[in-house]
């Protein structure tokens, strides 16, 4: 089996892609897997760290903030298709999987033109335009939730949930071990603030202003800032022994195990991981996500008493107060933890891998 997995741009696309790749290798150790991403994006670093080979395309997405920057977009798109043709000709895949991100479109479109089976993983409750276009000719479309028939042909949809990194789904790390990993005190309650792989401005600014309040309530903090806020975050936490700060947390299994309360965006993959680890969480949806789907995600959890939602524009005034309040309210934390854990899916990666490999009871069969 030779498979290409295409896409990336954010951790929400990359980590599920790696989880799917790992599941395929678990089921078929002889499978050859090649990733295709966008040059300059985080997949070019994270995929090799996971042990897989990746080819980069010279491609960029549509820039809504500066229309003049889009002048070279048609040329980049043409160049990326030429690069895809070369990659496909050399690797000759049996199947191509798209996980989202603009680098996935030319790869899956070319595969469909050549009659190679394609598969899409749509993690969000609102599908992107490229995925909707590609879904019409895909062999299967893997989705996280029901109600996706408005985006994809119903007969192609397979509800799988979202793949969660194995190190998180199968973690057995204890709280004390995890807290000591970050050099903090196991006797203090701990808030974990994560704004996604690229950071979250509103969350970071609220945490920055609220550091004294967090400390005065005898609470410690694990703070993932993302690269844009990294320097400012380190400066704000300088000399504070109760704050661990970094632009990125590679060992998220330790971060989740250490946390008593989590502050997070409400992207599909962040929610999938928090459901699996069952952590009481405060969600600050990114307001500019397509169709405002992060707000929909957070409201759904709040309605199920599985999370607390604070709007992005309210974060500066409310976020730290709500986090401190939740740390102090053990009964509320237990309730939120129980309800969010009930929504967790641990084997989405294997469900997807089996569907791609088309595994019958008698063993493996490569898709025709």
Protein backbone atom coordinates (compact mmCIF):
# COMPACT_ATOMS: atom_id res chain seq x y z
CA UNK A 1 0.00 0.00 0.00
CA UNK A 2 1.39 3.41 -1.03
CA UNK A 3 -0.44 6.41 0.40
CA UNK A 4 -0.11 10.16 0.20
CA UNK A 5 -1.51 12.31 3.01
CA UNK A 6 -1.91 15.94 1.96
CA UNK A 7 -2.64 19.10 3.91
CA UNK A 8 -1.56 21.01 6.99
CA UNK A 9 -1.09 24.61 8.00
CA UNK A 10 -2.11 24.18 11.65
CA UNK A 11 -1.85 21.53 14.33
CA UNK A 12 -5.56 20.89 13.84
CA UNK A 13 -4.74 19.43 10.42
CA UNK A 14 -1.28 18.03 11.03
CA UNK A 15 -1.77 15.99 14.19
CA UNK A 16 -4.85 14.11 12.92
CA UNK A 17 -2.91 13.38 9.72
CA UNK A 18 -0.05 11.89 11.71
CA UNK A 19 -2.53 9.90 13.82
CA UNK A 20 -4.06 8.44 10.64
CA UNK A 21 -0.61 7.60 9.29
CA UNK A 22 0.35 5.86 12.53
CA UNK A 23 -2.89 3.83 12.46
CA UNK A 24 -2.27 2.77 8.86
CA UNK A 25 1.24 1.63 9.78
CA UNK A 26 -0.14 -0.26 12.77
CA UNK A 27 -2.56 -2.17 10.56
CA UNK A 28 -0.16 -2.53 7.62
CA UNK A 29 3.49 -2.18 8.71
CA UNK A 30 4.64 -2.46 5.08
CA UNK A 31 2.61 0.56 3.95
CA UNK A 32 4.59 3.43 2.42
CA UNK A 33 3.34 6.87 3.42
CA UNK A 34 4.37 10.21 1.95
CA UNK A 35 3.10 13.56 3.24
CA UNK A 36 2.62 16.60 1.01
CA UNK A 37 2.36 20.05 2.59
CA UNK A 38 3.06 23.71 1.96
CA UNK A 39 6.59 25.04 2.10
CA UNK A 40 7.17 27.28 5.10
CA UNK A 41 4.27 25.85 7.11
CA UNK A 42 4.54 23.92 10.35
CA UNK A 43 3.96 20.52 8.72
CA UNK A 44 7.42 20.77 7.17
CA UNK A 45 8.81 20.55 10.72
CA UNK A 46 6.25 18.41 12.59
CA UNK A 47 5.87 15.59 10.05
CA UNK A 48 9.59 14.69 9.91
CA UNK A 49 9.66 14.82 13.72
CA UNK A 50 6.98 12.10 13.64
CA UNK A 51 9.19 9.98 11.39
CA UNK A 52 7.57 10.53 8.00
CA UNK A 53 8.86 11.98 4.74
CA UNK A 54 7.21 15.12 3.40
CA UNK A 55 7.35 17.01 0.10
CA UNK A 56 6.59 20.76 0.10
CA UNK A 57 4.55 22.66 -2.47
CA UNK A 58 5.01 26.31 -3.44
CA UNK A 59 1.45 27.27 -2.67
CA UNK A 60 -0.36 29.87 -0.60
CA UNK A 61 -3.96 30.53 0.37
CA UNK A 62 -6.08 33.55 -0.52
CA UNK A 63 -5.01 36.58 1.53
CA UNK A 64 -8.13 38.43 2.69
CA UNK A 65 -6.25 41.18 4.52
CA UNK A 66 -4.10 42.28 1.58
CA UNK A 67 -5.58 41.71 -1.87
CA UNK A 68 -2.38 42.86 -3.60
CA UNK A 69 -0.58 39.83 -2.16
CA UNK A 70 -2.91 37.57 -4.17
CA UNK A 71 -1.48 38.70 -7.50
CA UNK A 72 0.91 35.72 -7.60
CA UNK A 73 -1.69 33.21 -6.42
CA UNK A 74 -2.62 31.87 -9.91
CA UNK A 75 1.05 31.33 -10.72
CA UNK A 76 1.66 29.52 -7.43
CA UNK A 77 -1.38 27.32 -8.08
CA UNK A 78 -0.10 26.35 -11.53
CA UNK A 79 3.37 25.67 -10.11
CA UNK A 80 1.92 23.53 -7.32
CA UNK A 81 0.02 21.40 -9.86
CA UNK A 82 3.27 20.81 -11.77
CA UNK A 83 4.97 19.83 -8.52
CA UNK A 84 2.08 17.49 -7.67
CA UNK A 85 2.33 15.83 -11.07
CA UNK A 86 6.02 15.15 -10.47
CA UNK A 87 5.43 13.81 -6.94
CA UNK A 88 2.58 11.58 -8.10
CA UNK A 89 4.58 10.24 -11.04
CA UNK A 90 7.50 9.30 -8.84
CA UNK A 91 5.59 7.92 -5.84
CA UNK A 92 2.60 6.35 -7.67
CA UNK A 93 0.18 6.17 -4.71
CA UNK A 94 -2.66 3.68 -4.34
CA UNK A 95 -4.68 6.19 -2.30
CA UNK A 96 -4.58 9.88 -1.38
CA UNK A 97 -5.94 11.33 1.86
CA UNK A 98 -6.74 15.03 2.35
CA UNK A 99 -6.87 16.46 5.87
CA UNK A 100 -7.55 20.12 5.08
CA UNK A 101 -5.35 23.12 4.45
CA UNK A 102 -4.82 24.63 1.02
CA UNK A 103 -2.00 22.22 0.09
CA UNK A 104 -4.49 19.36 0.02
CA UNK A 105 -6.53 20.72 -2.91
CA UNK A 106 -4.09 20.34 -5.83
CA UNK A 107 -2.99 16.90 -4.60
CA UNK A 108 -6.50 15.45 -4.32
CA UNK A 109 -7.72 17.17 -7.49
CA UNK A 110 -4.86 15.66 -9.50
CA UNK A 111 -5.43 12.22 -7.94
CA UNK A 112 -9.12 12.37 -8.86
CA UNK A 113 -8.24 13.30 -12.44
CA UNK A 114 -6.02 10.20 -12.60
CA UNK A 115 -8.61 7.90 -11.07
CA UNK A 116 -6.68 7.34 -7.83
CA UNK A 117 -9.01 6.75 -4.82
CA UNK A 118 -9.20 9.82 -2.61
CA UNK A 119 -10.39 10.21 0.97
CA UNK A 120 -11.21 13.35 2.92
CA UNK A 121 -11.14 13.98 6.63
CA UNK A 122 -13.30 16.97 7.62
CA UNK A 123 -12.77 17.75 11.29
CA UNK A 124 -15.15 20.70 11.59
CA UNK A 125 -18.90 20.98 11.69
CA UNK A 126 -18.74 23.36 8.71
CA UNK A 127 -16.88 22.03 5.68
CA UNK A 128 -14.47 24.20 3.72
CA UNK A 129 -15.15 25.00 0.07
CA UNK A 130 -12.26 22.94 -1.29
CA UNK A 131 -13.35 19.88 0.69
CA UNK A 132 -16.91 20.28 -0.57
CA UNK A 133 -15.65 20.37 -4.16
CA UNK A 134 -13.36 17.39 -3.64
CA UNK A 135 -16.01 15.43 -1.72
CA UNK A 136 -18.10 14.91 -4.84
CA UNK A 137 -15.49 12.54 -6.30
CA UNK A 138 -14.01 11.17 -3.08
CA UNK A 139 -14.32 7.49 -2.24
CA UNK A 140 -15.25 8.34 1.36
CA UNK A 141 -15.56 11.46 3.50
CA UNK A 142 -14.74 11.01 7.18
CA UNK A 143 -16.52 13.48 9.47
CA UNK A 144 -16.61 14.20 13.18
CA UNK A 145 -20.34 14.75 13.62
CA UNK A 146 -23.69 13.99 12.04
CA UNK A 147 -25.59 16.48 9.90
CA UNK A 148 -22.84 16.79 7.28
CA UNK A 149 -25.14 15.80 4.39
CA UNK A 150 -25.53 19.49 3.58
CA UNK A 151 -21.87 19.54 2.55
CA UNK A 152 -21.15 16.07 1.13
CA UNK A 153 -23.02 13.27 -0.69
CA UNK A 154 -24.71 11.24 2.05
CA UNK A 155 -23.58 7.91 0.62
CA UNK A 156 -19.90 8.91 0.97
CA UNK A 157 -20.04 10.06 4.59
CA UNK A 158 -18.56 7.98 7.41
CA UNK A 159 -18.94 9.39 10.93
CA UNK A 160 -15.68 8.59 12.70
CA UNK A 161 -14.98 11.39 15.16
CA UNK A 162 -11.64 13.17 15.05
CA UNK A 163 -8.33 11.30 15.37
CA UNK A 164 -6.45 12.12 18.56
CA UNK A 165 -2.71 11.70 18.95
CA UNK A 166 -1.92 8.25 20.34
CA UNK A 167 0.36 9.65 23.04
CA UNK A 168 -2.65 11.58 24.36
CA UNK A 169 -5.34 8.94 23.85
CA UNK A 170 -3.25 6.20 25.51
CA UNK A 171 -1.44 8.32 28.12
CA UNK A 172 -1.13 6.88 31.64
CA UNK A 173 0.87 9.79 33.05
CA UNK A 174 -0.08 10.78 36.59
CA UNK A 175 -0.77 14.35 37.70
CA UNK A 176 2.23 14.64 40.04
CA UNK A 177 4.67 13.29 37.44
CA UNK A 178 3.25 15.68 34.85
CA UNK A 179 3.48 18.76 37.07
CA UNK A 180 7.08 17.97 38.04
CA UNK A 181 7.86 17.63 34.31
CA UNK A 182 7.15 21.38 34.04
CA UNK A 183 9.09 22.17 37.23
CA UNK A 184 5.97 23.19 39.14
CA UNK A 185 4.49 22.27 42.54
CA UNK A 186 2.13 19.25 42.69
CA UNK A 187 0.44 20.75 45.77
CA UNK A 188 -0.90 23.72 43.80
CA UNK A 189 -3.82 23.77 41.37
CA UNK A 190 -2.74 24.27 37.77
CA UNK A 191 -4.28 26.11 34.83
CA UNK A 192 -3.22 25.10 31.31
CA UNK A 193 -3.67 27.84 28.70
CA UNK A 194 -3.40 26.75 25.06
CA UNK A 195 -4.36 28.95 22.15
CA UNK A 196 -3.74 26.45 19.37
CA UNK A 197 -0.46 25.81 17.59
CA UNK A 198 -0.28 29.42 16.35
CA UNK A 199 -1.41 31.04 19.59
CA UNK A 200 -4.48 33.12 20.47
CA UNK A 201 -4.12 36.88 20.96
CA UNK A 202 -7.16 37.42 23.19
CA UNK A 203 -6.30 34.50 25.48
CA UNK A 204 -2.66 35.55 25.75
CA UNK A 205 -3.51 39.16 26.56
CA UNK A 206 -6.01 38.09 29.22
CA UNK A 207 -3.50 35.73 30.82
CA UNK A 208 -0.77 38.39 30.66
CA UNK A 209 -2.91 40.93 32.52
CA UNK A 210 -4.16 38.31 34.98
CA UNK A 211 -0.85 36.78 36.07
CA UNK A 212 -0.91 38.56 39.43
CA UNK A 213 -4.49 37.43 40.10
CA UNK A 214 -3.60 33.83 39.22
CA UNK A 215 -0.60 33.93 41.56
CA UNK A 216 -2.46 35.60 44.44
CA UNK A 217 -4.98 32.74 44.39
CA UNK A 218 -2.12 30.24 44.89
CA UNK A 219 -2.60 28.87 41.35
CA UNK A 220 0.19 28.02 38.93
CA UNK A 221 0.14 28.21 35.13
CA UNK A 222 1.33 26.26 32.11
CA UNK A 223 1.15 28.80 29.28
CA UNK A 224 1.50 27.98 25.59
CA UNK A 225 1.69 31.32 23.85
CA UNK A 226 2.25 30.43 20.19
CA UNK A 227 5.13 32.09 18.33
CA UNK A 228 3.61 35.59 17.85
CA UNK A 229 3.29 36.14 21.62
CA UNK A 230 6.29 34.08 22.75
CA UNK A 231 8.73 36.87 23.55
CA UNK A 232 6.14 38.99 25.34
CA UNK A 233 4.91 35.98 27.30
CA UNK A 234 8.40 35.03 28.44
CA UNK A 235 9.04 38.61 29.53
CA UNK A 236 5.76 38.75 31.48
CA UNK A 237 6.58 35.50 33.30
CA UNK A 238 10.26 36.28 33.94
CA UNK A 239 11.20 35.39 37.53
CA UNK A 240 7.76 33.93 38.28
CA UNK A 241 8.33 30.43 39.65
CA UNK A 242 4.66 29.56 39.33
CA UNK A 243 4.53 30.06 35.56
CA UNK A 244 5.94 27.77 32.87
CA UNK A 245 5.82 29.45 29.47
CA UNK A 246 6.70 28.36 25.94
CA UNK A 247 5.56 29.10 22.39
CA UNK A 248 4.74 25.42 21.80
CA UNK A 249 4.23 22.32 23.93
CA UNK A 250 5.42 19.17 22.24
CA UNK A 251 4.57 16.90 25.18
CA UNK A 252 0.85 17.67 25.37
CA UNK A 253 0.18 14.40 27.19
CA UNK A 254 2.07 15.87 30.17
CA UNK A 255 0.31 19.24 29.87
CA UNK A 256 -3.14 17.67 29.93
CA UNK A 257 -2.22 15.37 32.82
CA UNK A 258 -0.96 18.34 34.84
CA UNK A 259 -4.01 20.54 34.29
CA UNK A 260 -6.86 21.03 36.73
CA UNK A 261 -8.50 23.54 34.37
CA UNK A 262 -7.84 24.14 30.67
CA UNK A 263 -8.31 27.35 28.68
CA UNK A 264 -8.53 26.72 24.93
CA UNK A 265 -9.85 27.80 21.56
CA UNK A 266 -12.81 25.74 20.33
CA UNK A 267 -11.39 24.17 17.20
CA UNK A 268 -12.49 20.65 16.38
CA UNK A 269 -9.17 18.99 17.19
CA UNK A 270 -8.65 20.86 20.47
CA UNK A 271 -12.12 19.74 21.55
CA UNK A 272 -11.48 16.15 20.45
CA UNK A 273 -8.37 15.97 22.63
CA UNK A 274 -10.07 17.60 25.62
CA UNK A 275 -12.95 15.13 25.34
CA UNK A 276 -10.51 12.21 25.41
CA UNK A 277 -8.59 13.51 28.43
CA UNK A 278 -11.80 14.64 30.16
CA UNK A 279 -10.57 18.00 31.43
CA UNK A 280 -12.85 20.79 32.73
CA UNK A 281 -12.38 23.51 30.14
CA UNK A 282 -13.14 27.12 29.31
CA UNK A 283 -13.47 27.73 25.57
CA UNK A 284 -12.75 31.05 23.86
CA UNK A 285 -13.89 30.53 20.24
CA UNK A 286 -11.91 32.16 17.46
CA UNK A 287 -14.51 34.59 16.05
CA UNK A 288 -13.19 34.64 12.49
CA UNK A 289 -13.34 30.89 11.85
CA UNK A 290 -15.38 29.90 8.77
CA UNK A 291 -19.11 30.20 9.45
CA UNK A 292 -18.13 31.00 13.07
CA UNK A 293 -17.99 27.24 13.62
CA UNK A 294 -15.86 27.51 16.77
CA UNK A 295 -18.68 29.39 18.50
CA UNK A 296 -21.09 26.67 17.39
CA UNK A 297 -18.70 24.05 18.80
CA UNK A 298 -18.40 25.83 22.15
CA UNK A 299 -22.14 26.47 22.47
CA UNK A 300 -22.82 22.79 21.82
CA UNK A 301 -20.50 21.80 24.66
CA UNK A 302 -21.94 24.45 26.98
CA UNK A 303 -25.47 23.19 26.30
CA UNK A 304 -24.34 19.71 27.38
CA UNK A 305 -22.72 21.09 30.56
CA UNK A 306 -19.41 19.89 29.08
CA UNK A 307 -17.63 23.25 28.93
CA UNK A 308 -17.81 26.97 29.64
CA UNK A 309 -17.79 29.46 26.77
CA UNK A 310 -16.43 33.00 26.89
CA UNK A 311 -16.61 35.11 23.74
CA UNK A 312 -13.37 36.43 22.32
CA UNK A 313 -14.28 40.06 22.98
CA UNK A 314 -15.10 39.22 26.63
CA UNK A 315 -11.86 37.35 27.33
CA UNK A 316 -9.87 40.33 28.57
CA UNK A 317 -12.40 41.16 31.30
CA UNK A 318 -13.77 37.72 32.18
CA UNK A 319 -11.36 34.90 31.34
CA UNK A 320 -9.00 34.88 34.31
CA UNK A 321 -11.82 35.48 36.81
CA UNK A 322 -13.79 32.54 35.38
CA UNK A 323 -10.71 30.32 35.39
CA UNK A 324 -9.93 31.11 39.03
CA UNK A 325 -13.58 30.57 39.94
CA UNK A 326 -13.56 27.17 38.24
CA UNK A 327 -10.34 26.11 39.96
CA UNK A 328 -12.01 26.85 43.32
CA UNK A 329 -15.27 25.04 42.46
CA UNK A 330 -14.49 21.33 42.71
CA UNK A 331 -18.08 20.21 42.10
CA UNK A 332 -18.28 22.20 38.86
CA UNK A 333 -14.96 20.76 37.70
CA UNK A 334 -16.16 17.23 38.37
CA UNK A 335 -19.39 17.89 36.46
CA UNK A 336 -17.62 19.38 33.43
CA UNK A 337 -15.01 16.61 33.42
CA UNK A 338 -17.62 13.85 33.52
CA UNK A 339 -19.72 15.38 30.73
CA UNK A 340 -16.89 16.21 28.32
CA UNK A 341 -15.28 12.79 28.83
CA UNK A 342 -18.56 11.14 27.76
CA UNK A 343 -18.06 12.71 24.31
CA UNK A 344 -14.56 11.32 23.76
CA UNK A 345 -13.69 9.07 20.79
CA UNK A 346 -10.40 7.20 21.17
CA UNK A 347 -10.23 5.07 18.04
CA UNK A 348 -11.17 7.45 15.20
CA UNK A 349 -7.71 6.97 13.66
CA UNK A 350 -8.17 3.19 13.42
CA UNK A 351 -11.70 3.52 12.03
CA UNK A 352 -10.38 5.79 9.28
CA UNK A 353 -7.33 3.61 8.58
CA UNK A 354 -9.47 0.48 8.24
CA UNK A 355 -11.82 2.22 5.82
CA UNK A 356 -8.92 3.44 3.68
CA UNK A 357 -7.20 0.06 3.68
CA UNK A 358 -10.57 -1.63 3.11
CA UNK A 359 -9.89 -4.34 5.64
CA UNK A 360 -12.32 -7.31 5.50
CA UNK A 361 -12.41 -10.04 8.15
CA UNK A 362 -9.90 -12.11 6.19
CA UNK A 363 -7.18 -9.43 6.14
CA UNK A 364 -5.91 -6.53 4.09
CA UNK A 365 -7.13 -5.52 0.66
CA UNK A 366 -5.74 -2.52 -1.14
CA UNK A 367 -8.43 -0.29 -2.71
CA UNK A 368 -8.81 -0.75 -6.44
